[in-house]
Amino acid sequence: MSESNHSVSRQYDIAITMGDPAGIGPEIICRAVATMSPASRAGTLLVGDPAIFRRAAQTINAELSFAPLDAPDAPAESVAVAVVEVSADVAIPDGEISAGAGDMAFRCIAMAVELVQSGRAGVIVTAPLNKAALHAAGHYYDGHTGMLAALTGAPSSFMLLASEHLSTLHVSTHVSLREAIDRVTPERIIATVEAGHEHLKSLGMANPRIAVAGLNPHCGEGGIFGDEDTLSIAPAVEALKARGFDVSGPISADTVFYRASQGEFDLVVAQYHDQGHIPVKLIAFDTTVNVSLGLPIRRTSVDHGTAFDIAWQGRADATNMGAAIAYAHRLVTGNEAGVGADAREQSRGRGA
């Protein structure tokens, strides 16, 4: 390393985006960064407005300093920031939906994508944004995953919820239940399993064991409760088995998540948003990490919202941000170790 922590063309392990500045994103980022070792902090790049990060650090009583990316005279202990500034004439009220905040969140993501694509950062870690604020600013995405797919030109993407004891990957996410049923096709199921298999292999898992949840009660009971399991899910599983995948299914959703949590499977493919989200959040609400698969870049995120009701009060809990950062480091190192203990160590400081 050169004399400055922020020498020109320095590469960073992770780039953490600010999220919606009216929410808790800046606070939980500062809490997580404050607990980092000097080496981890040196490999971390923030994306956003340094003035907002300074305010957040003061709000939580953290002794942090920030310097613009590549600043030649930056103190060694300062945190590097890829600067995305709020315009002086833009109002961003704390804890409220605003177009200014939505636009700021979008510009931070766009900057982070550029940093990763140019090789300046390895993995993006995102703080929460607000979809209504995003739409108010004219950025019509269903959230981070759709936005990242659009910014990178990816044809599709998949949402993985990862935790120490249970991880789920979704065939569909932010669509109506009626549309989710239509998306249960052999092609989409195969693509989802392929994405999960490739991801787990990248973490060093030699032969991932993947279970595919059924859609209907008891997998349709032979067509009595619907035929999607027989006509779409079962053929996809058989095709994957023929290619050598260690995949099982369809398995009734009322048992498959328990079996996975007991160690029988490494990953469960859920057919729609709530089917996969509810069991993971039930057993690992604070440490579940949202991971985007199928993109040409790598990204992890907290699995909670902007919490406008407690924003800028110094009360925000950074445990989930610590988990997202810990998982991002796993992606950098290719380590399949669990995220739970790492997350707790990464983020000791909880809110009041």
Protein backbone atom coordinates (compact mmCIF):
# COMPACT_ATOMS: atom_id res chain seq x y z
CA MET A 1 0.00 0.00 0.00
CA SER A 2 1.21 3.55 -0.65
CA GLU A 3 1.56 6.23 2.04
CA SER A 4 -2.11 7.18 1.79
CA ASN A 5 -4.97 4.79 2.43
CA HIS A 6 -6.74 6.38 -0.54
CA SER A 7 -4.04 6.38 -3.19
CA VAL A 8 -5.04 6.86 -6.80
CA SER A 9 -6.47 3.71 -8.42
CA ARG A 10 -6.74 1.88 -5.11
CA GLN A 11 -9.08 -1.11 -5.26
CA TYR A 12 -11.60 -1.77 -2.49
CA ASP A 13 -13.13 -5.05 -1.37
CA ILE A 14 -16.61 -3.58 -0.89
CA ALA A 15 -18.50 -0.42 -1.80
CA ILE A 16 -21.37 0.44 0.56
CA THR A 17 -24.14 2.62 -0.86
CA MET A 18 -25.86 5.14 1.40
CA GLY A 19 -29.43 4.12 0.57
CA ASP A 20 -32.24 6.60 1.20
CA PRO A 21 -30.61 9.45 3.18
CA ALA A 22 -33.89 10.16 4.99
CA GLY A 23 -33.79 6.67 6.51
CA ILE A 24 -31.45 4.71 8.75
CA GLY A 25 -28.93 3.78 6.05
CA PRO A 26 -26.23 6.33 6.93
CA GLU A 27 -26.50 5.48 10.64
CA ILE A 28 -26.18 1.71 10.26
CA ILE A 29 -23.30 2.14 7.83
CA CYS A 30 -21.43 4.29 10.32
CA ARG A 31 -22.15 1.86 13.16
CA ALA A 32 -20.78 -1.03 11.09
CA VAL A 33 -17.72 0.89 9.91
CA ALA A 34 -16.96 2.04 13.46
CA THR A 35 -16.58 -1.60 14.59
CA MET A 36 -14.33 -2.64 11.70
CA SER A 37 -10.68 -3.51 12.11
CA PRO A 38 -8.27 -1.04 10.49
CA ALA A 39 -7.64 -3.52 7.67
CA SER A 40 -11.34 -3.99 6.93
CA ARG A 41 -11.94 -0.25 7.04
CA ALA A 42 -9.08 0.33 4.60
CA GLY A 43 -10.77 -2.06 2.16
CA THR A 44 -14.16 -0.34 2.45
CA LEU A 45 -15.45 2.41 0.20
CA LEU A 46 -18.63 4.34 0.97
CA VAL A 47 -20.80 5.83 -1.76
CA GLY A 48 -22.76 8.97 -0.94
CA ASP A 49 -22.49 12.45 0.50
CA PRO A 50 -19.61 12.87 3.01
CA ALA A 51 -21.61 15.54 4.85
CA ILE A 52 -24.45 13.07 5.47
CA PHE A 53 -22.02 10.43 6.69
CA ARG A 54 -20.41 12.96 9.05
CA ARG A 55 -23.82 13.84 10.44
CA ALA A 56 -24.66 10.16 10.89
CA ALA A 57 -21.40 9.53 12.74
CA GLN A 58 -22.18 12.43 15.08
CA THR A 59 -25.71 11.10 15.60
CA ILE A 60 -24.39 7.77 16.88
CA ASN A 61 -21.37 9.30 18.66
CA ALA A 62 -18.85 7.50 16.46
CA GLU A 63 -15.39 8.97 15.93
CA LEU A 64 -15.11 8.64 12.16
CA SER A 65 -13.57 10.86 9.52
CA PHE A 66 -14.31 10.74 5.80
CA ALA A 67 -12.32 11.72 2.74
CA PRO A 68 -13.23 11.83 -0.97
CA LEU A 69 -12.08 8.86 -3.05
CA ASP A 70 -8.47 9.29 -4.26
CA ALA A 71 -7.87 12.42 -2.18
CA PRO A 72 -4.05 12.67 -2.11
CA ASP A 73 -3.83 14.18 1.37
CA ALA A 74 -6.45 11.99 3.11
CA PRO A 75 -5.52 10.95 6.67
CA ALA A 76 -4.68 7.26 6.92
CA GLU A 77 -7.53 6.58 9.36
CA SER A 78 -10.25 8.23 7.27
CA VAL A 79 -12.94 6.31 5.39
CA ALA A 80 -12.93 6.75 1.61
CA VAL A 81 -16.13 8.09 0.04
CA ALA A 82 -17.05 8.04 -3.65
CA VAL A 83 -18.84 11.37 -3.56
CA VAL A 84 -22.46 11.69 -4.65
CA GLU A 85 -23.60 15.03 -3.28
CA VAL A 86 -27.05 16.33 -2.48
CA SER A 87 -27.70 19.54 -4.42
CA ALA A 88 -27.96 22.63 -2.24
CA ASP A 89 -31.49 23.37 -3.47
CA VAL A 90 -32.84 19.85 -2.78
CA ALA A 91 -34.76 19.28 0.44
CA ILE A 92 -34.47 15.86 2.08
CA PRO A 93 -36.51 15.88 5.30
CA ASP A 94 -35.59 13.24 7.86
CA GLY A 95 -37.89 10.24 8.04
CA GLU A 96 -40.06 11.25 5.09
CA ILE A 97 -40.58 10.16 1.50
CA SER A 98 -39.09 12.67 -0.92
CA ALA A 99 -38.03 12.77 -4.55
CA GLY A 100 -34.67 14.21 -3.51
CA ALA A 101 -33.92 11.21 -1.31
CA GLY A 102 -35.08 8.77 -3.99
CA ASP A 103 -32.85 10.37 -6.60
CA MET A 104 -29.90 10.37 -4.21
CA ALA A 105 -30.36 6.65 -3.53
CA PHE A 106 -30.49 5.93 -7.26
CA ARG A 107 -27.38 7.95 -8.05
CA CYS A 108 -25.43 6.13 -5.33
CA ILE A 109 -26.35 2.76 -6.84
CA ALA A 110 -25.40 3.93 -10.33
CA MET A 111 -22.05 5.14 -9.02
CA ALA A 112 -21.41 1.85 -7.21
CA VAL A 113 -22.14 -0.14 -10.37
CA GLU A 114 -19.61 1.97 -12.26
CA LEU A 115 -17.02 1.39 -9.53
CA VAL A 116 -17.43 -2.39 -9.67
CA GLN A 117 -17.51 -2.53 -13.45
CA SER A 118 -14.31 -0.48 -13.63
CA GLY A 119 -12.56 -2.75 -11.11
CA ARG A 120 -12.35 -0.19 -8.32
CA ALA A 121 -14.55 -2.28 -5.96
CA GLY A 122 -15.31 -5.98 -5.65
CA VAL A 123 -18.80 -6.25 -4.14
CA ILE A 124 -21.63 -3.75 -3.61
CA VAL A 125 -23.33 -3.66 -0.21
CA THR A 126 -26.56 -1.67 -0.24
CA ALA A 127 -28.32 0.17 2.57
CA PRO A 128 -32.14 0.31 2.28
CA LEU A 129 -33.99 2.54 -0.14
CA ASN A 130 -37.66 3.49 -0.29
CA LYS A 131 -39.55 2.47 -3.43
CA ALA A 132 -42.07 5.32 -3.16
CA ALA A 133 -39.24 7.87 -2.96
CA LEU A 134 -37.52 6.18 -5.88
CA HIS A 135 -40.69 6.42 -7.97
CA ALA A 136 -41.25 10.03 -6.91
CA ALA A 137 -37.83 10.80 -8.41
CA GLY A 138 -38.81 9.16 -11.69
CA HIS A 139 -36.85 5.93 -11.21
CA TYR A 140 -39.47 3.24 -11.72
CA TYR A 141 -37.93 0.06 -10.37
CA ASP A 142 -39.28 -2.59 -8.02
CA GLY A 143 -36.25 -2.18 -5.80
CA HIS A 144 -32.51 -2.75 -5.85
CA THR A 145 -32.58 -6.02 -7.76
CA GLY A 146 -34.53 -4.72 -10.74
CA MET A 147 -32.50 -1.52 -10.77
CA LEU A 148 -29.21 -3.40 -10.77
CA ALA A 149 -30.41 -5.67 -13.57
CA ALA A 150 -31.31 -2.60 -15.65
CA LEU A 151 -28.05 -0.79 -14.91
CA THR A 152 -25.94 -3.81 -15.81
CA GLY A 153 -28.02 -5.00 -18.77
CA ALA A 154 -28.73 -8.37 -17.16
CA PRO A 155 -31.71 -10.22 -18.69
CA SER A 156 -32.88 -11.48 -15.30
CA SER A 157 -31.84 -11.77 -11.69
CA PHE A 158 -32.65 -13.81 -8.61
CA MET A 159 -33.08 -12.93 -4.94
CA LEU A 160 -31.25 -15.10 -2.42
CA LEU A 161 -31.98 -14.75 1.29
CA ALA A 162 -28.97 -16.20 3.09
CA SER A 163 -28.66 -17.02 6.76
CA GLU A 164 -26.61 -19.37 8.89
CA HIS A 165 -29.29 -22.07 9.20
CA LEU A 166 -31.58 -21.54 6.19
CA SER A 167 -31.17 -19.94 2.77
CA THR A 168 -33.84 -19.51 0.11
CA LEU A 169 -33.68 -18.54 -3.55
CA HIS A 170 -36.82 -17.29 -5.25
CA VAL A 171 -38.36 -18.18 -8.62
CA SER A 172 -40.24 -14.84 -8.41
CA THR A 173 -40.25 -11.98 -5.91
CA HIS A 174 -41.97 -8.61 -6.25
CA VAL A 175 -44.99 -9.60 -8.29
CA SER A 176 -48.58 -10.41 -7.40
CA LEU A 177 -49.34 -13.93 -6.24
CA ARG A 178 -51.39 -14.47 -9.39
CA GLU A 179 -48.42 -13.51 -11.58
CA ALA A 180 -46.06 -15.56 -9.41
CA ILE A 181 -48.04 -18.69 -10.23
CA ASP A 182 -47.67 -17.96 -13.94
CA ARG A 183 -43.91 -17.70 -13.49
CA VAL A 184 -43.63 -21.27 -12.20
CA THR A 185 -42.30 -22.71 -15.45
CA PRO A 186 -39.69 -25.43 -16.01
CA GLU A 187 -37.38 -22.90 -17.67
CA ARG A 188 -37.49 -20.44 -14.78
CA ILE A 189 -37.06 -23.15 -12.16
CA ILE A 190 -34.05 -24.57 -13.98
CA ALA A 191 -32.50 -21.10 -14.29
CA THR A 192 -33.07 -20.45 -10.57
CA VAL A 193 -31.44 -23.71 -9.50
CA GLU A 194 -28.52 -23.07 -11.86
CA ALA A 195 -27.97 -19.62 -10.34
CA GLY A 196 -28.06 -21.00 -6.79
CA HIS A 197 -25.75 -23.87 -7.65
CA GLU A 198 -23.21 -21.56 -9.29
CA HIS A 199 -23.32 -19.18 -6.31
CA LEU A 200 -22.73 -21.89 -3.72
CA LYS A 201 -19.90 -23.33 -5.81
CA SER A 202 -18.30 -19.88 -5.90
CA LEU A 203 -18.24 -19.95 -2.09
CA GLY A 204 -16.28 -23.18 -2.13
CA MET A 205 -19.15 -25.69 -1.73
CA ALA A 206 -18.21 -28.73 -3.84
CA ASN A 207 -21.64 -30.28 -4.34
CA PRO A 208 -24.53 -28.04 -3.22
CA ARG A 209 -27.68 -29.86 -2.09
CA ILE A 210 -30.70 -27.97 -3.38
CA ALA A 211 -34.37 -28.60 -2.57
CA VAL A 212 -37.19 -27.22 -4.71
CA ALA A 213 -40.35 -26.32 -2.81
CA GLY A 214 -43.73 -27.26 -4.17
CA LEU A 215 -46.23 -24.58 -5.12
CA ASN A 216 -49.54 -26.08 -4.05
CA PRO A 217 -50.53 -27.68 -0.73
CA HIS A 218 -48.85 -31.10 -0.50
CA CYS A 219 -47.42 -30.49 -4.00
CA GLY A 220 -50.93 -30.69 -5.43
CA GLU A 221 -51.77 -34.19 -4.16
CA GLY A 222 -51.52 -35.63 -7.66
CA GLY A 223 -53.50 -32.82 -9.25
CA ILE A 224 -56.28 -32.54 -6.64
CA PHE A 225 -54.99 -29.14 -5.47
CA GLY A 226 -53.44 -27.95 -8.74
CA ASP A 227 -51.16 -29.41 -11.39
CA GLU A 228 -48.22 -26.95 -11.46
CA ASP A 229 -46.09 -29.23 -9.30
CA THR A 230 -46.60 -32.16 -11.66
CA LEU A 231 -46.43 -30.30 -14.96
CA SER A 232 -43.76 -27.67 -14.25
CA ILE A 233 -41.71 -28.35 -11.13
CA ALA A 234 -41.19 -32.11 -11.33
CA PRO A 235 -39.97 -32.06 -14.99
CA ALA A 236 -37.50 -29.27 -14.16
CA VAL A 237 -36.09 -31.25 -11.24
CA GLU A 238 -35.74 -34.39 -13.34
CA ALA A 239 -33.95 -32.45 -16.08
CA LEU A 240 -31.50 -31.04 -13.53
CA LYS A 241 -30.88 -34.46 -11.99
CA ALA A 242 -30.07 -35.80 -15.45
CA ARG A 243 -27.36 -33.13 -15.69
CA GLY A 244 -25.80 -34.18 -12.38
CA PHE A 245 -27.28 -31.61 -10.00
CA ASP A 246 -27.95 -32.76 -6.42
CA VAL A 247 -31.51 -31.47 -6.45
CA SER A 248 -34.69 -32.78 -4.81
CA GLY A 249 -38.32 -31.88 -5.32
CA PRO A 250 -40.93 -30.83 -5.49
CA ILE A 251 -41.08 -31.08 -1.69
CA SER A 252 -44.11 -29.83 0.17
CA ALA A 253 -43.48 -26.31 1.47
CA ASP A 254 -44.82 -27.22 4.92
CA THR A 255 -41.80 -29.49 5.54
CA VAL A 256 -38.96 -28.50 3.20
CA PHE A 257 -37.85 -25.41 5.12
CA TYR A 258 -37.66 -27.32 8.40
CA ARG A 259 -35.65 -30.07 6.75
CA ALA A 260 -33.23 -27.52 5.30
CA SER A 261 -32.88 -25.74 8.66
CA GLN A 262 -31.85 -29.08 10.16
CA GLY A 263 -29.02 -29.43 7.65
CA GLU A 264 -30.52 -31.74 5.02
CA PHE A 265 -30.23 -29.13 2.23
CA ASP A 266 -27.91 -26.18 1.58
CA LEU A 267 -30.54 -24.15 -0.26
CA VAL A 268 -34.29 -24.16 -0.84
CA VAL A 269 -35.73 -22.80 -4.08
CA ALA A 270 -39.00 -21.08 -3.12
CA GLN A 271 -41.69 -20.49 -5.72
CA TYR A 272 -42.69 -16.95 -4.67
CA HIS A 273 -41.77 -14.07 -2.36
CA ASP A 274 -43.57 -14.88 0.89
CA GLN A 275 -43.02 -18.62 0.63
CA GLY A 276 -39.27 -18.04 0.92
CA HIS A 277 -39.17 -14.88 3.01
CA ILE A 278 -41.35 -15.94 5.93
CA PRO A 279 -39.35 -18.97 7.13
CA VAL A 280 -35.96 -17.27 6.78
CA LYS A 281 -37.05 -14.11 8.58
CA LEU A 282 -38.72 -16.17 11.29
CA ILE A 283 -35.50 -17.90 12.29
CA ALA A 284 -32.88 -15.28 11.35
CA PHE A 285 -34.56 -11.89 11.22
CA ASP A 286 -31.48 -9.86 12.27
CA THR A 287 -28.85 -11.68 10.24
CA THR A 288 -30.57 -12.61 6.97
CA VAL A 289 -28.74 -11.15 3.98
CA ASN A 290 -30.29 -10.29 0.61
CA VAL A 291 -27.94 -11.40 -2.19
CA SER A 292 -28.51 -10.72 -5.90
CA LEU A 293 -27.67 -13.59 -8.24
CA GLY A 294 -27.61 -13.71 -12.02
CA LEU A 295 -25.99 -10.29 -12.40
CA PRO A 296 -22.56 -9.54 -13.88
CA ILE A 297 -21.70 -7.86 -10.57
CA ARG A 298 -21.92 -9.08 -6.96
CA ARG A 299 -24.20 -7.44 -4.43
CA THR A 300 -25.41 -8.04 -0.87
CA SER A 301 -27.89 -6.00 1.13
CA VAL A 302 -29.63 -5.63 4.42
CA ASP A 303 -33.01 -7.32 4.46
CA HIS A 304 -35.01 -4.52 6.04
CA GLY A 305 -36.40 -1.14 5.10
CA THR A 306 -35.58 2.49 5.74
CA ALA A 307 -37.28 2.60 9.17
CA PHE A 308 -38.33 6.23 8.81
CA ASP A 309 -39.96 6.14 12.25
CA ILE A 310 -36.58 5.86 14.03
CA ALA A 311 -34.30 7.51 11.46
CA TRP A 312 -31.77 10.08 12.67
CA GLN A 313 -32.45 9.37 16.34
CA GLY A 314 -29.34 7.28 17.00
CA ARG A 315 -31.46 4.18 17.63
CA ALA A 316 -30.89 2.12 14.48
CA ASP A 317 -29.52 -1.41 14.92
CA ALA A 318 -26.64 -2.28 12.59
CA THR A 319 -26.67 -6.05 13.06
CA ASN A 320 -28.17 -6.71 9.64
CA MET A 321 -25.73 -4.33 7.94
CA GLY A 322 -22.92 -6.22 9.67
CA ALA A 323 -24.30 -9.45 8.22
CA ALA A 324 -24.45 -7.99 4.70
CA ILE A 325 -20.86 -6.79 5.00
CA ALA A 326 -19.69 -10.15 6.35
CA TYR A 327 -21.36 -11.96 3.44
CA ALA A 328 -19.77 -9.55 0.96
CA HIS A 329 -16.37 -10.46 2.38
CA ARG A 330 -17.25 -14.14 1.87
CA LEU A 331 -17.86 -13.37 -1.79
CA VAL A 332 -14.46 -11.70 -2.01
CA THR A 333 -12.65 -14.61 -0.37
CA GLY A 334 -14.79 -17.51 -1.65
CA ASN A 335 -15.41 -18.78 1.89
CA GLU A 336 -18.48 -20.92 2.59
CA ALA A 337 -18.45 -20.33 6.39
CA GLY A 338 -21.75 -19.27 7.94
CA VAL A 339 -22.73 -15.63 8.24
CA GLY A 340 -24.19 -15.54 11.76
CA ALA A 341 -21.08 -15.32 13.90
CA ASP A 342 -19.32 -13.03 11.41
CA ALA A 343 -22.28 -10.68 11.44
CA ARG A 344 -22.35 -10.44 15.22
CA GLU A 345 -18.62 -9.76 15.33
CA GLN A 346 -18.84 -7.22 12.48
CA SER A 347 -21.54 -5.18 14.18
CA ARG A 348 -21.19 -5.09 17.95
CA GLY A 349 -22.85 -1.71 18.38
CA ARG A 350 -26.63 -1.93 18.55
CA GLY A 351 -28.88 1.09 18.78
CA ALA A 352 -30.19 2.34 22.07
